[in-house]
Amino acid sequence: MNSIDLFICLLLLCLLCACCLQKEASIVCNKPYIRVAGDCCLDLNDNNICDSDEVTTTTTTTTTTSTTTSTSSTSTTASTVSTTSTTTSTIPHLSGGPKYINGFRAYEDKNNFVAYFYFTNESGDELKVFGTAYLNLSDGERILYSGKINISKENYLNTTIGFGNVMHILCIIRVPLYDVGVSRLATGRADIVFTLPDGSYFSADYREVTFPRATDEDLNHYQGSEYMKSSTPLDIVEKRSNVAVTLVRAGYYYIYESDESNGTRYLRVDLEIRNLGLDKISFSSQGALVNVNSSKYGLDSDSTVAVRDLYPGSVGGGYLLFDGVPDLGGRTFDVIVGSSTDVSGHETEFFFQDVLIA
């Protein structure tokens, strides 16, 4: 081969290599493709490995939770009461196991508050279920009872209670009446959550429950205890003419009506009267009033503090109810609480200014 032929062969080889390099450089792979060995392949998970070279296995698990709503009717000789109760279950749907809580009811008997219900499986067969019951009783204003009861075989009874002539395997819970708070309302609600050892549970409610009705004495005690919890301790003392009157506390006080209405709210002021002198005195709240921003509010017609013949060193007292006082909302008020009278007939008026309650 002469020099001319050699030159031509080398020239052709260079041109061939240039073409190959140009072709290689012209291959561009845009995501989700990647370049591999002069070609493009799909790489959806962006791990620089062709998806065709990977094997992916996907497992899907579906969990179903069911809620069943049932409507039942309870009849008595006096009237018929229709109620709707909801039963929720997270119990696994095991063959033969409990699936529903049914017939949940609650009522008051002579000595106990009684709640009862029964369990059924998917086939409708009744069975005994052991666990823990959480029972709550409410009259819409407050909780009357909240308790935890361990359920064993002693709680079950074959009976027709509450269901005419139909026999059921009832789970019965009894709570002593002295553990249930009295209510000024006639009816309320019972809620139950029944839990099993594995953490699964049933829940149900009944909204036509009759509660022990409060007597007037019970209501007075309840009203007083509510006032003591919400009122403001003051301990402000005014001393005049050998008499010390202390504004012990003040706050809002509710008197509930017998017809179950919301009742009336008063501003209540508690007083203590102490005789510091050597002769007996008397004290009367006649003429007491509250002043809020130049608006005056008088005593309720049934509210008065009257102390007669308070001997030296003795202490008396009571509380005043002022009708129609608006929500003070952090504002102060002035109050005239009454007057003391000594043996000579001289009267001394007691008043407190800029009183602030919560």
Protein backbone atom coordinates (compact mmCIF):
# COMPACT_ATOMS: atom_id res chain seq x y z
CA MET A 1 0.00 0.00 0.00
CA ASN A 2 1.46 3.31 -1.05
CA SER A 3 1.38 6.45 1.01
CA ILE A 4 -1.62 7.85 -0.82
CA ASP A 5 -3.77 4.79 -0.10
CA LEU A 6 -2.72 4.81 3.57
CA PHE A 7 -3.72 8.46 3.88
CA ILE A 8 -7.15 7.79 2.37
CA CYS A 9 -7.79 4.84 4.80
CA LEU A 10 -6.87 6.94 7.82
CA LEU A 11 -9.12 9.76 6.63
CA LEU A 12 -12.09 7.43 6.22
CA LEU A 13 -11.49 5.93 9.71
CA CYS A 14 -11.46 9.40 11.31
CA LEU A 15 -14.68 10.33 9.56
CA LEU A 16 -16.34 7.11 10.80
CA CYS A 17 -15.27 7.75 14.43
CA ALA A 18 -16.53 11.31 14.27
CA CYS A 19 -19.91 10.14 13.08
CA CYS A 20 -20.13 7.63 15.92
CA LEU A 21 -19.18 10.23 18.50
CA GLN A 22 -21.70 12.67 17.07
CA LYS A 23 -24.45 10.01 17.27
CA GLU A 24 -23.46 9.15 20.89
CA ALA A 25 -23.54 12.80 21.87
CA SER A 26 -26.91 13.33 20.24
CA ILE A 27 -28.69 10.80 22.62
CA VAL A 28 -30.46 12.81 25.36
CA CYS A 29 -32.75 11.03 27.91
CA ASN A 30 -35.21 13.25 29.77
CA LYS A 31 -36.83 12.23 33.08
CA PRO A 32 -38.36 9.83 33.91
CA TYR A 33 -35.93 8.14 31.40
CA ILE A 34 -32.23 7.52 32.01
CA ARG A 35 -29.39 6.85 29.55
CA VAL A 36 -27.91 3.36 29.62
CA ALA A 37 -25.46 1.95 27.01
CA GLY A 38 -26.37 4.47 24.36
CA ASP A 39 -30.12 4.04 24.88
CA CYS A 40 -32.90 5.32 27.18
CA CYS A 41 -34.94 3.30 29.70
CA LEU A 42 -37.79 4.15 32.12
CA ASP A 43 -36.85 4.98 35.76
CA LEU A 44 -40.03 6.11 37.56
CA ASN A 45 -38.62 5.79 41.10
CA ASP A 46 -35.50 7.81 40.16
CA ASN A 47 -32.95 5.30 41.52
CA ASN A 48 -30.80 5.18 38.35
CA ILE A 49 -31.90 1.60 37.64
CA CYS A 50 -34.15 0.74 34.75
CA ASP A 51 -37.59 -0.23 35.98
CA SER A 52 -37.48 -3.19 33.62
CA ASP A 53 -34.54 -4.54 35.64
CA GLU A 54 -36.52 -4.30 38.96
CA VAL A 55 -39.28 -6.52 40.41
CA THR A 56 -41.92 -4.75 42.60
CA THR A 57 -44.50 -6.47 44.80
CA THR A 58 -47.42 -4.47 46.31
CA THR A 59 -49.71 -5.78 49.07
CA THR A 60 -52.94 -3.97 49.94
CA THR A 61 -54.77 -4.55 53.24
CA THR A 62 -58.27 -3.25 53.82
CA THR A 63 -59.77 -2.88 57.30
CA THR A 64 -63.48 -2.35 57.72
CA THR A 65 -65.20 -0.84 60.78
CA SER A 66 -68.97 -1.12 60.94
CA THR A 67 -71.56 1.01 62.67
CA THR A 68 -75.08 -0.27 63.21
CA THR A 69 -78.04 1.92 64.14
CA SER A 70 -81.12 0.31 65.61
CA THR A 71 -84.48 1.74 66.61
CA SER A 72 -86.44 0.22 69.44
CA SER A 73 -89.70 0.92 71.23
CA THR A 74 -90.40 0.39 74.94
CA SER A 75 -93.97 0.21 76.20
CA THR A 76 -95.25 0.74 79.71
CA THR A 77 -98.75 0.58 81.16
CA ALA A 78 -98.83 4.38 81.38
CA SER A 79 -97.35 5.43 78.05
CA THR A 80 -95.27 4.35 75.07
CA VAL A 81 -91.80 5.85 74.68
CA SER A 82 -89.94 5.50 71.39
CA THR A 83 -86.19 5.96 71.44
CA THR A 84 -83.33 5.63 68.99
CA SER A 85 -80.05 4.21 70.25
CA THR A 86 -76.78 3.79 68.38
CA THR A 87 -74.54 0.78 68.81
CA THR A 88 -70.94 1.06 67.61
CA SER A 89 -68.62 -1.92 67.52
CA THR A 90 -64.92 -2.34 66.85
CA ILE A 91 -65.12 -6.04 67.71
CA PRO A 92 -63.45 -8.24 65.03
CA HIS A 93 -66.07 -10.13 63.05
CA LEU A 94 -65.17 -13.54 64.41
CA SER A 95 -67.58 -16.37 63.79
CA GLY A 96 -69.74 -16.94 66.87
CA GLY A 97 -68.31 -13.94 68.74
CA PRO A 98 -70.18 -10.84 69.94
CA LYS A 99 -71.14 -8.33 67.27
CA TYR A 100 -73.96 -6.19 68.68
CA ILE A 101 -75.05 -4.67 71.98
CA ASN A 102 -78.85 -4.47 72.07
CA GLY A 103 -81.74 -3.22 74.19
CA PHE A 104 -79.72 -0.82 76.34
CA ARG A 105 -82.03 0.72 78.95
CA ALA A 106 -81.68 2.37 82.35
CA TYR A 107 -84.12 3.16 85.15
CA GLU A 108 -84.41 3.86 88.86
CA ASP A 109 -85.85 1.30 91.29
CA LYS A 110 -86.27 1.51 95.07
CA ASN A 111 -82.62 1.27 96.08
CA ASN A 112 -80.56 1.20 92.88
CA PHE A 113 -80.11 2.72 89.50
CA VAL A 114 -80.30 -0.16 87.01
CA ALA A 115 -78.86 -0.41 83.49
CA TYR A 116 -79.21 -3.51 81.30
CA PHE A 117 -78.48 -4.76 77.77
CA TYR A 118 -77.70 -7.98 75.88
CA PHE A 119 -75.16 -9.16 73.30
CA THR A 120 -75.75 -11.04 70.06
CA ASN A 121 -73.45 -12.58 67.47
CA GLU A 122 -73.75 -12.39 63.68
CA SER A 123 -76.41 -15.09 63.73
CA GLY A 124 -78.53 -13.27 66.31
CA ASP A 125 -77.71 -15.71 69.11
CA GLU A 126 -77.43 -14.13 72.57
CA LEU A 127 -74.32 -14.75 74.65
CA LYS A 128 -72.54 -13.68 77.80
CA VAL A 129 -69.58 -11.35 77.32
CA PHE A 130 -67.13 -10.46 80.09
CA GLY A 131 -65.16 -7.23 80.31
CA THR A 132 -65.47 -3.73 81.77
CA ALA A 133 -68.45 -1.38 81.53
CA TYR A 134 -68.08 2.40 81.81
CA LEU A 135 -71.44 3.94 82.73
CA ASN A 136 -72.21 7.67 82.64
CA LEU A 137 -75.47 9.31 83.71
CA SER A 138 -76.22 12.95 82.85
CA ASP A 139 -79.27 15.21 83.17
CA GLY A 140 -78.04 17.66 80.52
CA GLU A 141 -76.64 20.07 83.10
CA ARG A 142 -74.10 17.91 84.91
CA ILE A 143 -72.81 14.36 85.33
CA LEU A 144 -74.81 12.52 87.99
CA TYR A 145 -72.70 9.38 87.93
CA SER A 146 -69.55 8.14 86.19
CA GLY A 147 -68.24 4.72 87.12
CA LYS A 148 -66.29 1.66 86.01
CA ILE A 149 -67.86 -1.77 86.59
CA ASN A 150 -66.17 -5.14 86.03
CA ILE A 151 -68.64 -7.53 84.36
CA SER A 152 -68.60 -11.20 85.35
CA LYS A 153 -71.07 -14.08 85.16
CA GLU A 154 -72.82 -12.73 88.29
CA ASN A 155 -74.07 -9.78 86.21
CA TYR A 156 -76.04 -12.01 83.82
CA LEU A 157 -79.63 -13.14 84.22
CA ASN A 158 -82.11 -14.98 82.00
CA THR A 159 -85.18 -12.75 82.26
CA THR A 160 -87.97 -10.96 80.39
CA ILE A 161 -87.35 -7.60 82.15
CA GLY A 162 -88.36 -4.75 79.87
CA PHE A 163 -89.12 -6.96 76.86
CA GLY A 164 -92.59 -8.36 77.46
CA ASN A 165 -92.63 -12.16 77.32
CA VAL A 166 -89.40 -12.49 75.34
CA MET A 167 -86.58 -14.15 77.26
CA HIS A 168 -83.13 -12.55 77.02
CA ILE A 169 -79.69 -13.14 78.53
CA LEU A 170 -79.37 -9.72 80.14
CA CYS A 171 -76.25 -8.11 81.51
CA ILE A 172 -77.51 -6.09 84.50
CA ILE A 173 -75.60 -3.29 86.26
CA ARG A 174 -76.83 -1.89 89.57
CA VAL A 175 -75.54 1.35 91.07
CA PRO A 176 -76.68 2.35 94.60
CA LEU A 177 -78.88 5.44 94.47
CA TYR A 178 -76.72 7.21 97.03
CA ASP A 179 -73.90 7.17 94.43
CA VAL A 180 -76.11 8.92 91.86
CA GLY A 181 -76.51 12.68 92.15
CA VAL A 182 -79.99 14.13 92.48
CA SER A 183 -81.35 16.26 89.68
CA ARG A 184 -83.86 19.05 89.35
CA LEU A 185 -84.72 17.61 85.92
CA ALA A 186 -87.03 14.64 85.41
CA THR A 187 -85.17 12.85 82.60
CA GLY A 188 -81.71 12.64 81.11
CA ARG A 189 -79.31 10.33 79.34
CA ALA A 190 -77.29 7.19 80.03
CA ASP A 191 -74.18 6.24 78.02
CA ILE A 192 -72.29 2.98 78.24
CA VAL A 193 -68.99 1.80 76.78
CA PHE A 194 -68.28 -1.93 77.15
CA THR A 195 -64.63 -2.89 76.63
CA LEU A 196 -63.06 -6.30 76.17
CA PRO A 197 -59.56 -7.30 77.33
CA ASP A 198 -58.20 -6.96 73.77
CA GLY A 199 -59.13 -3.26 73.72
CA SER A 200 -62.10 -3.54 71.39
CA TYR A 201 -65.37 -2.03 72.59
CA PHE A 202 -69.12 -1.47 72.20
CA SER A 203 -70.94 1.78 72.96
CA ALA A 204 -74.61 2.72 73.25
CA ASP A 205 -76.85 5.41 74.72
CA TYR A 206 -80.40 5.77 76.02
CA ARG A 207 -82.00 9.22 76.23
CA GLU A 208 -85.19 8.71 78.24
CA VAL A 209 -83.73 7.97 81.67
CA THR A 210 -85.64 8.96 84.83
CA PHE A 211 -83.40 10.21 87.64
CA PRO A 212 -83.98 10.61 91.38
CA ARG A 213 -85.74 13.97 91.69
CA ALA A 214 -84.25 16.52 94.07
CA THR A 215 -86.24 17.74 97.07
CA ASP A 216 -86.31 21.44 98.00
CA GLU A 217 -83.61 20.72 100.58
CA ASP A 218 -81.48 18.98 97.93
CA LEU A 219 -81.89 21.91 95.55
CA ASN A 220 -80.92 24.42 98.24
CA HIS A 221 -77.83 22.38 99.00
CA TYR A 222 -76.96 22.08 95.30
CA GLN A 223 -77.50 25.80 94.68
CA GLY A 224 -75.38 26.67 97.69
CA SER A 225 -72.54 24.33 96.71
CA GLU A 226 -72.50 25.70 93.16
CA TYR A 227 -72.36 29.24 94.53
CA MET A 228 -69.47 28.37 96.85
CA LYS A 229 -67.47 26.99 93.93
CA SER A 230 -67.99 29.99 91.63
CA SER A 231 -68.18 32.99 94.00
CA THR A 232 -65.30 35.28 95.00
CA PRO A 233 -63.95 35.32 98.60
CA LEU A 234 -63.65 38.98 99.73
CA ASP A 235 -63.18 39.31 103.51
CA ILE A 236 -63.69 43.11 103.46
CA VAL A 237 -64.43 44.58 106.92
CA GLU A 238 -66.17 47.85 107.84
CA LYS A 239 -66.11 48.87 111.57
CA ARG A 240 -68.45 51.54 112.91
CA SER A 241 -69.83 52.22 116.42
CA ASN A 242 -68.52 48.99 117.95
CA VAL A 243 -69.99 46.88 115.13
CA ALA A 244 -67.95 45.07 112.48
CA VAL A 245 -69.66 43.97 109.27
CA THR A 246 -67.65 41.70 106.96
CA LEU A 247 -68.39 41.23 103.28
CA VAL A 248 -67.42 37.57 103.26
CA ARG A 249 -67.92 36.70 99.59
CA ALA A 250 -70.06 37.57 96.58
CA GLY A 251 -71.05 35.98 93.28
CA TYR A 252 -73.89 34.74 91.14
CA TYR A 253 -76.55 32.52 92.66
CA TYR A 254 -79.20 30.55 90.76
CA ILE A 255 -82.61 29.58 92.06
CA TYR A 256 -84.23 26.87 89.97
CA GLU A 257 -87.97 26.81 89.42
CA SER A 258 -90.23 23.83 90.08
CA ASP A 259 -91.32 23.77 86.44
CA GLU A 260 -87.76 22.91 85.37
CA SER A 261 -87.13 26.25 83.70
CA ASN A 262 -83.67 27.77 83.85
CA GLY A 263 -84.50 29.67 87.01
CA THR A 264 -83.34 33.11 88.09
CA ARG A 265 -79.84 34.46 88.56
CA TYR A 266 -79.10 36.80 91.47
CA LEU A 267 -76.09 38.67 92.75
CA ARG A 268 -75.52 37.16 96.19
CA VAL A 269 -73.61 38.93 98.99
CA ASP A 270 -72.65 37.02 102.16
CA LEU A 271 -72.38 38.98 105.41
CA GLU A 272 -71.00 38.49 108.91
CA ILE A 273 -72.08 40.86 111.73
CA ARG A 274 -70.01 40.98 114.92
CA ASN A 275 -70.83 42.92 118.10
CA LEU A 276 -67.61 44.52 119.41
CA GLY A 277 -69.26 46.64 122.09
CA LEU A 278 -70.64 46.15 125.61
CA ASP A 279 -74.37 46.37 124.80
CA LYS A 280 -76.59 44.30 122.56
CA ILE A 281 -77.36 45.51 119.04
CA SER A 282 -79.63 44.63 116.12
CA PHE A 283 -78.95 44.58 112.39
CA SER A 284 -81.38 44.86 109.45
CA SER A 285 -80.78 44.72 105.70
CA GLN A 286 -83.90 46.77 104.97
CA GLY A 287 -82.99 49.32 102.30
CA ALA A 288 -80.01 47.34 100.97
CA LEU A 289 -79.17 47.95 97.33
CA VAL A 290 -76.46 47.53 94.72
CA ASN A 291 -75.19 50.38 92.55
CA VAL A 292 -73.59 49.59 89.17
CA ASN A 293 -72.68 52.62 87.03
CA SER A 294 -75.45 54.71 88.66
CA SER A 295 -78.04 51.94 88.11
CA LYS A 296 -79.57 50.68 91.37
CA TYR A 297 -80.81 47.16 92.06
CA GLY A 298 -82.85 46.24 95.12
CA LEU A 299 -83.26 43.09 97.18
CA ASP A 300 -85.30 40.12 96.09
CA SER A 301 -88.58 40.15 98.00
CA ASP A 302 -87.67 36.97 99.91
CA SER A 303 -84.11 38.02 100.74
CA THR A 304 -83.24 39.71 104.01
CA VAL A 305 -80.74 39.59 106.87
CA ALA A 306 -82.27 40.44 110.24
CA VAL A 307 -80.31 39.94 113.47
CA ARG A 308 -81.99 40.88 116.75
CA ASP A 309 -80.49 41.07 120.21
CA LEU A 310 -76.92 40.36 119.17
CA TYR A 311 -75.12 40.33 122.49
CA PRO A 312 -71.52 41.54 123.09
CA GLY A 313 -68.98 39.23 121.49
CA SER A 314 -71.67 37.41 119.46
CA VAL A 315 -71.65 36.88 115.70
CA GLY A 316 -74.57 36.73 113.27
CA GLY A 317 -74.98 36.85 109.53
CA GLY A 318 -76.66 35.61 106.37
CA TYR A 319 -76.81 36.52 102.69
CA LEU A 320 -78.57 39.02 100.46
CA LEU A 321 -79.93 38.39 96.95
CA PHE A 322 -80.09 41.33 94.55
CA ASP A 323 -82.44 40.90 91.61
CA GLY A 324 -81.75 41.95 88.01
CA VAL A 325 -78.05 42.77 88.37
CA PRO A 326 -76.43 42.39 84.91
CA ASP A 327 -73.25 40.50 84.19
CA LEU A 328 -70.60 42.69 85.77
CA GLY A 329 -67.91 41.61 83.32
CA GLY A 330 -65.03 42.79 85.50
CA ARG A 331 -66.77 46.01 86.59
CA THR A 332 -66.93 47.01 90.25
CA PHE A 333 -70.10 47.69 92.20
CA ASP A 334 -71.08 49.51 95.40
CA VAL A 335 -73.39 47.88 97.90
CA ILE A 336 -75.33 49.09 100.93
CA VAL A 337 -75.86 45.99 103.06
CA GLY A 338 -77.98 47.45 105.90
CA SER A 339 -77.84 49.23 109.26
CA SER A 340 -77.10 48.38 112.87
CA THR A 341 -79.16 49.77 115.75
CA ASP A 342 -77.85 50.16 119.31
CA VAL A 343 -79.85 50.18 122.57
CA SER A 344 -80.39 53.95 122.31
CA GLY A 345 -81.96 53.58 118.86
CA HIS A 346 -79.05 55.12 116.96
CA GLU A 347 -78.65 53.66 113.43
CA THR A 348 -75.37 53.18 111.57
CA GLU A 349 -75.37 52.36 107.86
CA PHE A 350 -72.82 49.96 106.38
CA PHE A 351 -71.73 50.14 102.75
CA PHE A 352 -68.87 48.86 100.61
CA GLN A 353 -67.42 50.57 97.55
CA ASP A 354 -65.64 49.31 94.45
CA VAL A 355 -66.29 45.63 95.12
CA LEU A 356 -64.88 43.39 92.38
CA ILE A 357 -65.84 39.76 91.77
CA ALA A 358 -64.59 37.30 89.19
